[in-house]
Amino acid sequence: MGMAANPILSTPPAKLRLSEHARFMVEEHAARQNLIQKLATSPTVDYQIDETSGNYVFRSGDFRIVARRDADGSFFVLSIIDRSQFPT
């Protein structure tokens, strides 16, 4: 992973949609709302593209946001993962 130009901020900006799971995760914690807002507006983000699935994996602190780019250029957020909740 590494900082790079935010692929969501293409010209024109890509539409960002949330799966039911991602919506639930955002509604449960206000901090995650900030993550999505930051993801949608930051000029640079820390991300990589998963070689197997082709999904984008964005990193912000302990959080990972998994999204796919659809044919129309929009991004669909599949999941928000809080790695601090994982057992060590």
Protein backbone atom coordinates (compact mmCIF):
# COMPACT_ATOMS: atom_id res chain seq x y z
CA MET A 1 0.00 0.00 0.00
CA GLY A 2 1.08 3.55 -0.45
CA MET A 3 -0.18 7.09 -0.89
CA ALA A 4 -1.32 7.87 -4.40
CA ALA A 5 -3.84 10.01 -6.24
CA ASN A 6 -7.35 9.11 -5.12
CA PRO A 7 -9.00 7.05 -7.89
CA ILE A 8 -12.44 8.08 -6.61
CA LEU A 9 -11.67 11.72 -7.46
CA SER A 10 -11.57 11.17 -11.19
CA THR A 11 -13.02 13.77 -13.54
CA PRO A 12 -15.93 13.96 -12.97
CA PRO A 13 -15.84 12.54 -9.44
CA ALA A 14 -16.99 8.94 -9.31
CA LYS A 15 -20.21 8.10 -7.53
CA LEU A 16 -19.64 6.32 -4.20
CA ARG A 17 -22.27 3.81 -3.07
CA LEU A 18 -22.38 1.68 0.09
CA SER A 19 -23.39 -1.95 0.48
CA GLU A 20 -25.88 -2.78 3.22
CA HIS A 21 -22.99 -4.05 5.37
CA ALA A 22 -20.97 -0.87 4.87
CA ARG A 23 -24.03 1.29 5.59
CA PHE A 24 -24.58 -0.61 8.84
CA MET A 25 -20.93 -0.15 9.83
CA VAL A 26 -21.15 3.60 9.15
CA GLU A 27 -24.42 4.01 11.03
CA GLU A 28 -23.05 2.18 14.07
CA HIS A 29 -20.04 4.47 14.54
CA ALA A 30 -19.71 8.16 13.71
CA ALA A 31 -15.94 7.79 13.22
CA ARG A 32 -16.61 5.56 10.23
CA GLN A 33 -18.75 8.29 8.65
CA ASN A 34 -15.62 10.44 8.71
CA LEU A 35 -13.69 7.64 7.00
CA ILE A 36 -16.13 7.54 4.11
CA GLN A 37 -16.17 11.33 3.84
CA LYS A 38 -12.36 11.39 3.81
CA LEU A 39 -12.26 8.61 1.22
CA ALA A 40 -14.65 10.50 -1.03
CA THR A 41 -12.81 13.84 -0.81
CA SER A 42 -9.09 13.35 -0.10
CA PRO A 43 -6.84 14.10 -3.07
CA THR A 44 -4.45 11.32 -2.01
CA VAL A 45 -5.22 8.04 -0.26
CA ASP A 46 -3.36 4.94 0.87
CA TYR A 47 -4.59 2.02 -1.22
CA GLN A 48 -3.75 -1.02 -3.28
CA ILE A 49 -5.66 -3.12 -5.76
CA ASP A 50 -6.11 -6.75 -4.71
CA GLU A 51 -4.58 -8.92 -7.43
CA THR A 52 -7.13 -11.73 -7.02
CA SER A 53 -10.42 -9.84 -6.80
CA GLY A 54 -9.51 -6.54 -8.43
CA ASN A 55 -11.07 -4.77 -5.43
CA TYR A 56 -9.57 -1.58 -4.06
CA VAL A 57 -8.37 -1.80 -0.46
CA PHE A 58 -8.04 1.63 1.13
CA ARG A 59 -6.17 2.02 4.44
CA SER A 60 -6.77 4.64 7.10
CA GLY A 61 -5.21 3.85 10.47
CA ASP A 62 -6.65 0.57 11.75
CA PHE A 63 -9.44 0.64 9.16
CA ARG A 64 -9.58 -1.00 5.76
CA ILE A 65 -12.27 -0.02 3.27
CA VAL A 66 -12.86 -2.56 0.51
CA ALA A 67 -14.51 -1.27 -2.67
CA ARG A 68 -14.96 -2.33 -6.25
CA ARG A 69 -15.07 -0.12 -9.31
CA ASP A 70 -18.14 -0.79 -11.43
CA ALA A 71 -18.32 -0.53 -15.21
CA ASP A 72 -19.89 2.94 -15.02
CA GLY A 73 -16.86 4.23 -13.04
CA SER A 74 -18.71 4.37 -9.71
CA PHE A 75 -17.27 2.79 -6.58
CA PHE A 76 -19.25 0.35 -4.44
CA VAL A 77 -18.00 0.08 -0.84
CA LEU A 78 -18.30 -3.58 0.08
CA SER A 79 -16.97 -3.53 3.64
CA ILE A 80 -15.33 -1.47 6.35
CA ILE A 81 -12.98 -3.49 8.52
CA ASP A 82 -11.65 -2.36 11.90
CA ARG A 83 -8.36 -4.25 12.29
CA SER A 84 -8.03 -3.13 15.92
CA GLN A 85 -10.87 -5.56 16.68
CA PHE A 86 -8.87 -8.55 15.42
CA PRO A 87 -7.28 -10.84 18.01
CA THR A 88 -3.52 -10.41 18.29
